[in-house]
Amino acid sequence: MLSARHDFWKGFWGALPFCFVVGPYGMVFGVLAAESGLNIFTSITFSLAVIAGAAQFTALSLMHDQAPTIVVIIVGLTVNLRMALYSATLATHLGKAPFWTRALVAYSILDHSFALSDAKYQNNPEMTLSQKLAFYFGATGLVGAIWVIGTGIGAWLGARVPDWLALDFAMPIAFIALVAPALRTVPQVAAAFTAAMLALVLAPVPYGLGLIIAAIVALLLGAELERRMEAPA
């Protein structure tokens, strides 16, 4: 039987291509964090504590709009609700690990590490618990480190961008780049369009609450459209 070290490197090499996306993405977050007034240490700590790109960009936008802390936390958690589903799925494979190991797994879940690990476990049901853990940490450790390092580099660069070279435009561009590739069905496009239009209409609502309202309405609309399209004629 192959050792757990072999599975660690399998996960490591499988995740390596994602670094070429995550690194620049982390740098963009670092630059925007610096533009929003966060210093390098705070920006890096932010990425270490949250380690979730979409939630961090959302929280940063709300912080820039001076939304209350509770609103920032609630919206950030809402954006990352998919992680709860990831955790539930991984628990069927890694649930027998010690508590602190499971806590570390939960903390370090990334989209790519979940996808790689779940596929690996499904295709290789004979893997032992130690092999599964080794593969998972190989898949998530490098990319997580690249995200944090990218944030630090971006924050360092952002602190040196002259005032006349404003980078405020990078925030909406980053969101568009994040969301657009995921829009593949009519309900998804309808939900995205509705959210965008409502967010513009409700922009005057204080504390960024218009964003939450727009997201809830769009989610309900998308879910209803998907239900009707899947219903038998």
C-alpha atoms as a PDB file:
ATOM      1  CA  MET A   1       0.000   0.000   0.000  1.00  0.00           C
ATOM      2  CA  LEU A   2       1.291   3.452  -0.877  1.00  0.00           C
ATOM      3  CA  SER A   3       2.186   5.732   2.004  1.00  0.00           C
ATOM      4  CA  ALA A   4       0.269   8.827   3.072  1.00  0.00           C
ATOM      5  CA  ARG A   5       3.252  10.915   1.922  1.00  0.00           C
ATOM      6  CA  HIS A   6       2.598   9.746  -1.626  1.00  0.00           C
ATOM      7  CA  ASP A   7      -1.025  10.940  -1.363  1.00  0.00           C
ATOM      8  CA  PHE A   8       0.116  14.277   0.048  1.00  0.00           C
ATOM      9  CA  TRP A   9       2.220  14.926  -3.040  1.00  0.00           C
ATOM     10  CA  LYS A  10      -0.612  13.731  -5.259  1.00  0.00           C
ATOM     11  CA  GLY A  11      -2.816  16.422  -3.757  1.00  0.00           C
ATOM     12  CA  PHE A  12       0.007  18.967  -3.932  1.00  0.00           C
ATOM     13  CA  TRP A  13       0.659  18.456  -7.645  1.00  0.00           C
ATOM     14  CA  GLY A  14      -3.054  18.293  -8.396  1.00  0.00           C
ATOM     15  CA  ALA A  15      -3.563  21.705  -6.799  1.00  0.00           C
ATOM     16  CA  LEU A  16      -0.488  23.350  -8.296  1.00  0.00           C
ATOM     17  CA  PRO A  17      -2.233  24.741 -11.431  1.00  0.00           C
ATOM     18  CA  PHE A  18      -4.696  26.630  -9.215  1.00  0.00           C
ATOM     19  CA  CYS A  19      -1.826  28.670  -7.778  1.00  0.00           C
ATOM     20  CA  PHE A  20      -1.506  30.539 -11.070  1.00  0.00           C
ATOM     21  CA  VAL A  21      -5.046  31.833 -10.524  1.00  0.00           C
ATOM     22  CA  VAL A  22      -5.088  32.226  -6.756  1.00  0.00           C
ATOM     23  CA  GLY A  23      -1.793  34.138  -6.575  1.00  0.00           C
ATOM     24  CA  PRO A  24      -2.846  37.065  -8.808  1.00  0.00           C
ATOM     25  CA  TYR A  25      -6.323  37.001  -7.260  1.00  0.00           C
ATOM     26  CA  GLY A  26      -4.780  37.358  -3.797  1.00  0.00           C
ATOM     27  CA  MET A  27      -2.648  40.224  -5.068  1.00  0.00           C
ATOM     28  CA  VAL A  28      -5.780  42.013  -6.326  1.00  0.00           C
ATOM     29  CA  PHE A  29      -7.335  41.644  -2.886  1.00  0.00           C
ATOM     30  CA  GLY A  30      -4.173  42.967  -1.250  1.00  0.00           C
ATOM     31  CA  VAL A  31      -4.083  46.009  -3.530  1.00  0.00           C
ATOM     32  CA  LEU A  32      -7.763  46.762  -2.859  1.00  0.00           C
ATOM     33  CA  ALA A  33      -7.255  46.280   0.874  1.00  0.00           C
ATOM     34  CA  ALA A  34      -4.421  48.817   0.795  1.00  0.00           C
ATOM     35  CA  GLU A  35      -6.584  51.191  -1.247  1.00  0.00           C
ATOM     36  CA  SER A  36      -9.278  50.835   1.445  1.00  0.00           C
ATOM     37  CA  GLY A  37      -6.848  51.892   4.157  1.00  0.00           C
ATOM     38  CA  LEU A  38      -5.703  48.528   5.557  1.00  0.00           C
ATOM     39  CA  ASN A  39      -2.017  48.154   6.259  1.00  0.00           C
ATOM     40  CA  ILE A  40       0.028  45.137   5.183  1.00  0.00           C
ATOM     41  CA  PHE A  41      -0.233  43.340   8.534  1.00  0.00           C
ATOM     42  CA  THR A  42      -4.016  43.787   8.717  1.00  0.00           C
ATOM     43  CA  SER A  43      -4.475  42.672   5.120  1.00  0.00           C
ATOM     44  CA  ILE A  44      -2.458  39.486   5.681  1.00  0.00           C
ATOM     45  CA  THR A  45      -4.278  38.795   8.952  1.00  0.00           C
ATOM     46  CA  PHE A  46      -7.581  39.251   7.127  1.00  0.00           C
ATOM     47  CA  SER A  47      -6.630  36.569   4.602  1.00  0.00           C
ATOM     48  CA  LEU A  48      -5.294  34.257   7.303  1.00  0.00           C
ATOM     49  CA  ALA A  49      -8.456  34.570   9.395  1.00  0.00           C
ATOM     50  CA  VAL A  50     -11.026  34.293   6.612  1.00  0.00           C
ATOM     51  CA  ILE A  51      -9.181  32.520   3.747  1.00  0.00           C
ATOM     52  CA  ALA A  52     -12.183  32.911   1.418  1.00  0.00           C
ATOM     53  CA  GLY A  53     -11.847  35.161  -1.608  1.00  0.00           C
ATOM     54  CA  ALA A  54     -15.504  35.939  -2.351  1.00  0.00           C
ATOM     55  CA  ALA A  55     -16.324  36.650   1.304  1.00  0.00           C
ATOM     56  CA  GLN A  56     -13.230  38.842   1.689  1.00  0.00           C
ATOM     57  CA  PHE A  57     -14.015  40.943  -1.375  1.00  0.00           C
ATOM     58  CA  THR A  58     -17.607  41.340  -0.191  1.00  0.00           C
ATOM     59  CA  ALA A  59     -16.586  42.264   3.344  1.00  0.00           C
ATOM     60  CA  LEU A  60     -13.992  44.724   2.062  1.00  0.00           C
ATOM     61  CA  SER A  61     -16.608  46.429  -0.095  1.00  0.00           C
ATOM     62  CA  LEU A  62     -19.000  46.757   2.853  1.00  0.00           C
ATOM     63  CA  MET A  63     -16.215  48.020   5.109  1.00  0.00           C
ATOM     64  CA  HIS A  64     -15.363  50.622   2.478  1.00  0.00           C
ATOM     65  CA  ASP A  65     -19.026  51.711   2.605  1.00  0.00           C
ATOM     66  CA  GLN A  66     -18.765  51.917   6.423  1.00  0.00           C
ATOM     67  CA  ALA A  67     -21.405  49.255   7.023  1.00  0.00           C
ATOM     68  CA  PRO A  68     -21.872  48.083  10.647  1.00  0.00           C
ATOM     69  CA  THR A  69     -19.640  45.212  11.726  1.00  0.00           C
ATOM     70  CA  ILE A  70     -22.615  42.894  12.248  1.00  0.00           C
ATOM     71  CA  VAL A  71     -23.745  43.488   8.651  1.00  0.00           C
ATOM     72  CA  VAL A  72     -20.246  42.746   7.348  1.00  0.00           C
ATOM     73  CA  ILE A  73     -20.133  39.485   9.314  1.00  0.00           C
ATOM     74  CA  ILE A  74     -23.624  38.332   8.294  1.00  0.00           C
ATOM     75  CA  VAL A  75     -23.092  39.070   4.601  1.00  0.00           C
ATOM     76  CA  GLY A  76     -19.639  37.442   4.655  1.00  0.00           C
ATOM     77  CA  LEU A  77     -21.080  34.293   6.229  1.00  0.00           C
ATOM     78  CA  THR A  78     -23.941  34.259   3.728  1.00  0.00           C
ATOM     79  CA  VAL A  79     -21.549  34.446   0.785  1.00  0.00           C
ATOM     80  CA  ASN A  80     -19.647  31.479   2.211  1.00  0.00           C
ATOM     81  CA  LEU A  81     -22.625  29.245   2.999  1.00  0.00           C
ATOM     82  CA  ARG A  82     -21.432  26.744   0.393  1.00  0.00           C
ATOM     83  CA  MET A  83     -18.571  25.881   2.743  1.00  0.00           C
ATOM     84  CA  ALA A  84     -21.113  24.300   5.093  1.00  0.00           C
ATOM     85  CA  LEU A  85     -22.152  21.978   2.279  1.00  0.00           C
ATOM     86  CA  TYR A  86     -18.515  21.191   1.533  1.00  0.00           C
ATOM     87  CA  SER A  87     -17.914  20.381   5.205  1.00  0.00           C
ATOM     88  CA  ALA A  88     -20.922  18.074   5.378  1.00  0.00           C
ATOM     89  CA  THR A  89     -19.703  16.170   2.330  1.00  0.00           C
ATOM     90  CA  LEU A  90     -16.119  15.852   3.580  1.00  0.00           C
ATOM     91  CA  ALA A  91     -17.394  14.720   6.989  1.00  0.00           C
ATOM     92  CA  THR A  92     -18.539  11.442   5.412  1.00  0.00           C
ATOM     93  CA  HIS A  93     -14.896  10.745   4.544  1.00  0.00           C
ATOM     94  CA  LEU A  94     -12.968  12.497   7.318  1.00  0.00           C
ATOM     95  CA  GLY A  95     -15.464  12.422  10.182  1.00  0.00           C
ATOM     96  CA  LYS A  96     -13.443   9.904  12.198  1.00  0.00           C
ATOM     97  CA  ALA A  97     -10.387  12.157  12.395  1.00  0.00           C
ATOM     98  CA  PRO A  98      -9.499  13.770  15.761  1.00  0.00           C
ATOM     99  CA  PHE A  99     -11.377  16.953  16.652  1.00  0.00           C
ATOM    100  CA  TRP A 100      -8.501  19.372  16.054  1.00  0.00           C
ATOM    101  CA  THR A 101      -7.717  17.735  12.726  1.00  0.00           C
ATOM    102  CA  ARG A 102     -11.333  18.146  11.663  1.00  0.00           C
ATOM    103  CA  ALA A 103     -11.217  21.762  12.825  1.00  0.00           C
ATOM    104  CA  LEU A 104      -8.142  22.384  10.661  1.00  0.00           C
ATOM    105  CA  VAL A 105      -9.870  20.732   7.701  1.00  0.00           C
ATOM    106  CA  ALA A 106     -12.932  22.941   8.180  1.00  0.00           C
ATOM    107  CA  TYR A 107     -10.795  26.075   8.460  1.00  0.00           C
ATOM    108  CA  SER A 108      -8.788  25.335   5.328  1.00  0.00           C
ATOM    109  CA  ILE A 109     -11.552  24.250   2.936  1.00  0.00           C
ATOM    110  CA  LEU A 110     -11.206  25.900  -0.461  1.00  0.00           C
ATOM    111  CA  ASP A 111     -13.312  25.361  -3.570  1.00  0.00           C
ATOM    112  CA  HIS A 112     -10.547  23.550  -5.407  1.00  0.00           C
ATOM    113  CA  SER A 113      -9.425  21.434  -2.441  1.00  0.00           C
ATOM    114  CA  PHE A 114     -12.976  20.232  -1.904  1.00  0.00           C
ATOM    115  CA  ALA A 115     -13.448  19.388  -5.582  1.00  0.00           C
ATOM    116  CA  LEU A 116     -10.122  17.552  -5.835  1.00  0.00           C
ATOM    117  CA  SER A 117     -10.552  15.678  -2.557  1.00  0.00           C
ATOM    118  CA  ASP A 118     -14.157  14.653  -3.075  1.00  0.00           C
ATOM    119  CA  ALA A 119     -13.377  13.315  -6.554  1.00  0.00           C
ATOM    120  CA  LYS A 120     -10.321  11.465  -5.221  1.00  0.00           C
ATOM    121  CA  TYR A 121     -12.276   9.869  -2.374  1.00  0.00           C
ATOM    122  CA  GLN A 122     -15.140   8.844  -4.663  1.00  0.00           C
ATOM    123  CA  ASN A 123     -12.798   7.240  -7.174  1.00  0.00           C
ATOM    124  CA  ASN A 124     -10.638   5.539  -4.525  1.00  0.00           C
ATOM    125  CA  PRO A 125     -12.933   4.250  -1.747  1.00  0.00           C
ATOM    126  CA  GLU A 126     -10.155   1.983  -0.456  1.00  0.00           C
ATOM    127  CA  MET A 127      -8.112   4.959   0.825  1.00  0.00           C
ATOM    128  CA  THR A 128      -7.401   4.963   4.552  1.00  0.00           C
ATOM    129  CA  LEU A 129      -8.201   7.944   6.767  1.00  0.00           C
ATOM    130  CA  SER A 130      -4.535   8.956   6.949  1.00  0.00           C
ATOM    131  CA  GLN A 131      -4.237   8.816   3.156  1.00  0.00           C
ATOM    132  CA  LYS A 132      -7.372  10.918   2.721  1.00  0.00           C
ATOM    133  CA  LEU A 133      -6.108  13.543   5.167  1.00  0.00           C
ATOM    134  CA  ALA A 134      -2.698  13.609   3.513  1.00  0.00           C
ATOM    135  CA  PHE A 135      -4.230  14.165   0.077  1.00  0.00           C
ATOM    136  CA  TYR A 136      -6.526  16.887   1.394  1.00  0.00           C
ATOM    137  CA  PHE A 137      -3.786  18.872   3.126  1.00  0.00           C
ATOM    138  CA  GLY A 138      -1.552  18.490   0.095  1.00  0.00           C
ATOM    139  CA  ALA A 139      -4.332  19.936  -2.054  1.00  0.00           C
ATOM    140  CA  THR A 140      -5.204  22.835   0.224  1.00  0.00           C
ATOM    141  CA  GLY A 141      -1.943  23.810   1.958  1.00  0.00           C
ATOM    142  CA  LEU A 142      -0.024  25.232  -0.993  1.00  0.00           C
ATOM    143  CA  VAL A 143      -2.923  27.207  -2.459  1.00  0.00           C
ATOM    144  CA  GLY A 144      -3.841  28.624   0.948  1.00  0.00           C
ATOM    145  CA  ALA A 145      -0.265  29.786   1.439  1.00  0.00           C
ATOM    146  CA  ILE A 146      -0.179  31.325  -2.044  1.00  0.00           C
ATOM    147  CA  TRP A 147      -3.389  33.230  -1.271  1.00  0.00           C
ATOM    148  CA  VAL A 148      -1.890  34.754   1.867  1.00  0.00           C
ATOM    149  CA  ILE A 149       1.449  35.517   0.191  1.00  0.00           C
ATOM    150  CA  GLY A 150      -0.368  37.077  -2.759  1.00  0.00           C
ATOM    151  CA  THR A 151      -2.342  39.247  -0.361  1.00  0.00           C
ATOM    152  CA  GLY A 152       0.858  40.460   1.274  1.00  0.00           C
ATOM    153  CA  ILE A 153       2.501  41.286  -2.047  1.00  0.00           C
ATOM    154  CA  GLY A 154      -0.629  43.065  -3.247  1.00  0.00           C
ATOM    155  CA  ALA A 155      -0.908  45.079  -0.043  1.00  0.00           C
ATOM    156  CA  TRP A 156       2.769  46.068  -0.320  1.00  0.00           C
ATOM    157  CA  LEU A 157       2.274  47.170  -3.918  1.00  0.00           C
ATOM    158  CA  GLY A 158      -1.020  48.905  -3.146  1.00  0.00           C
ATOM    159  CA  ALA A 159       0.574  50.989  -0.413  1.00  0.00           C
ATOM    160  CA  ARG A 160       2.966  52.336  -3.034  1.00  0.00           C
ATOM    161  CA  VAL A 161       0.394  53.200  -5.688  1.00  0.00           C
ATOM    162  CA  PRO A 162       0.259  57.007  -6.064  1.00  0.00           C
ATOM    163  CA  ASP A 163      -2.998  58.748  -5.149  1.00  0.00           C
ATOM    164  CA  TRP A 164      -3.623  59.869  -8.725  1.00  0.00           C
ATOM    165  CA  LEU A 165      -3.628  56.235  -9.898  1.00  0.00           C
ATOM    166  CA  ALA A 166      -6.887  55.188  -8.243  1.00  0.00           C
ATOM    167  CA  LEU A 167      -7.739  51.492  -8.362  1.00  0.00           C
ATOM    168  CA  ASP A 168     -11.357  51.721  -7.208  1.00  0.00           C
ATOM    169  CA  PHE A 169     -12.471  50.283 -10.549  1.00  0.00           C
ATOM    170  CA  ALA A 170     -10.731  46.993  -9.724  1.00  0.00           C
ATOM    171  CA  MET A 171     -13.369  45.992  -7.155  1.00  0.00           C
ATOM    172  CA  PRO A 172     -16.343  45.681  -9.546  1.00  0.00           C
ATOM    173  CA  ILE A 173     -14.090  44.162 -12.209  1.00  0.00           C
ATOM    174  CA  ALA A 174     -12.966  41.505  -9.709  1.00  0.00           C
ATOM    175  CA  PHE A 175     -16.593  40.668  -8.897  1.00  0.00           C
ATOM    176  CA  ILE A 176     -17.523  40.422 -12.571  1.00  0.00           C
ATOM    177  CA  ALA A 177     -14.578  38.106 -13.208  1.00  0.00           C
ATOM    178  CA  LEU A 178     -15.661  35.975 -10.242  1.00  0.00           C
ATOM    179  CA  VAL A 179     -19.355  35.685 -11.130  1.00  0.00           C
ATOM    180  CA  ALA A 180     -19.568  35.778 -14.935  1.00  0.00           C
ATOM    181  CA  PRO A 181     -17.962  32.354 -15.659  1.00  0.00           C
ATOM    182  CA  ALA A 182     -20.460  30.678 -13.300  1.00  0.00           C
ATOM    183  CA  LEU A 183     -23.539  31.908 -15.191  1.00  0.00           C
ATOM    184  CA  ARG A 184     -24.423  28.906 -17.339  1.00  0.00           C
ATOM    185  CA  THR A 185     -28.223  28.519 -17.047  1.00  0.00           C
ATOM    186  CA  VAL A 186     -31.259  30.750 -17.536  1.00  0.00           C
ATOM    187  CA  PRO A 187     -32.084  30.846 -13.783  1.00  0.00           C
ATOM    188  CA  GLN A 188     -28.499  31.827 -12.971  1.00  0.00           C
ATOM    189  CA  VAL A 189     -28.454  34.625 -15.550  1.00  0.00           C
ATOM    190  CA  ALA A 190     -31.878  35.856 -14.412  1.00  0.00           C
ATOM    191  CA  ALA A 191     -30.775  35.861 -10.765  1.00  0.00           C
ATOM    192  CA  ALA A 192     -27.565  37.721 -11.567  1.00  0.00           C
ATOM    193  CA  PHE A 193     -29.382  40.330 -13.691  1.00  0.00           C
ATOM    194  CA  THR A 194     -32.049  40.829 -11.009  1.00  0.00           C
ATOM    195  CA  ALA A 195     -29.427  41.194  -8.283  1.00  0.00           C
ATOM    196  CA  ALA A 196     -27.498  43.762 -10.331  1.00  0.00           C
ATOM    197  CA  MET A 197     -30.581  45.857 -11.146  1.00  0.00           C
ATOM    198  CA  LEU A 198     -31.951  45.765  -7.599  1.00  0.00           C
ATOM    199  CA  ALA A 199     -28.524  46.597  -6.152  1.00  0.00           C
ATOM    200  CA  LEU A 200     -28.485  49.748  -8.295  1.00  0.00           C
ATOM    201  CA  VAL A 201     -32.061  50.707  -7.378  1.00  0.00           C
ATOM    202  CA  LEU A 202     -31.489  50.048  -3.665  1.00  0.00           C
ATOM    203  CA  ALA A 203     -28.046  51.678  -3.558  1.00  0.00           C
ATOM    204  CA  PRO A 204     -29.346  54.549  -1.344  1.00  0.00           C
ATOM    205  CA  VAL A 205     -30.335  52.083   1.401  1.00  0.00           C
ATOM    206  CA  PRO A 206     -27.850  52.619   4.274  1.00  0.00           C
ATOM    207  CA  TYR A 207     -25.168  50.183   5.460  1.00  0.00           C
ATOM    208  CA  GLY A 208     -25.218  48.228   2.215  1.00  0.00           C
ATOM    209  CA  LEU A 209     -28.483  46.532   3.239  1.00  0.00           C
ATOM    210  CA  GLY A 210     -29.783  47.052  -0.282  1.00  0.00           C
ATOM    211  CA  LEU A 211     -27.187  44.525  -1.380  1.00  0.00           C
ATOM    212  CA  ILE A 212     -28.605  41.921   1.004  1.00  0.00           C
ATOM    213  CA  ILE A 213     -32.179  42.583  -0.146  1.00  0.00           C
ATOM    214  CA  ALA A 214     -31.126  42.325  -3.784  1.00  0.00           C
ATOM    215  CA  ALA A 215     -29.308  39.042  -3.125  1.00  0.00           C
ATOM    216  CA  ILE A 216     -32.266  37.474  -1.287  1.00  0.00           C
ATOM    217  CA  VAL A 217     -34.770  38.456  -4.007  1.00  0.00           C
ATOM    218  CA  ALA A 218     -32.427  37.206  -6.734  1.00  0.00           C
ATOM    219  CA  LEU A 219     -31.874  33.887  -4.971  1.00  0.00           C
ATOM    220  CA  LEU A 220     -35.620  33.342  -4.553  1.00  0.00           C
ATOM    221  CA  LEU A 221     -36.230  34.216  -8.200  1.00  0.00           C
ATOM    222  CA  GLY A 222     -33.474  31.903  -9.416  1.00  0.00           C
ATOM    223  CA  ALA A 223     -34.710  29.036  -7.235  1.00  0.00           C
ATOM    224  CA  GLU A 224     -38.293  29.471  -8.464  1.00  0.00           C
ATOM    225  CA  LEU A 225     -37.240  29.583 -12.121  1.00  0.00           C
ATOM    226  CA  GLU A 226     -35.140  26.459 -11.669  1.00  0.00           C
ATOM    227  CA  ARG A 227     -38.050  24.675  -9.954  1.00  0.00           C
ATOM    228  CA  ARG A 228     -40.431  25.538 -12.796  1.00  0.00           C
ATOM    229  CA  MET A 229     -37.969  24.520 -15.496  1.00  0.00           C
ATOM    230  CA  GLU A 230     -37.369  21.148 -13.835  1.00  0.00           C
ATOM    231  CA  ALA A 231     -41.074  20.496 -13.163  1.00  0.00           C
ATOM    232  CA  PRO A 232     -42.695  17.935 -15.469  1.00  0.00           C
ATOM    233  CA  ALA A 233     -44.825  19.441 -18.206  1.00  0.00           C
END
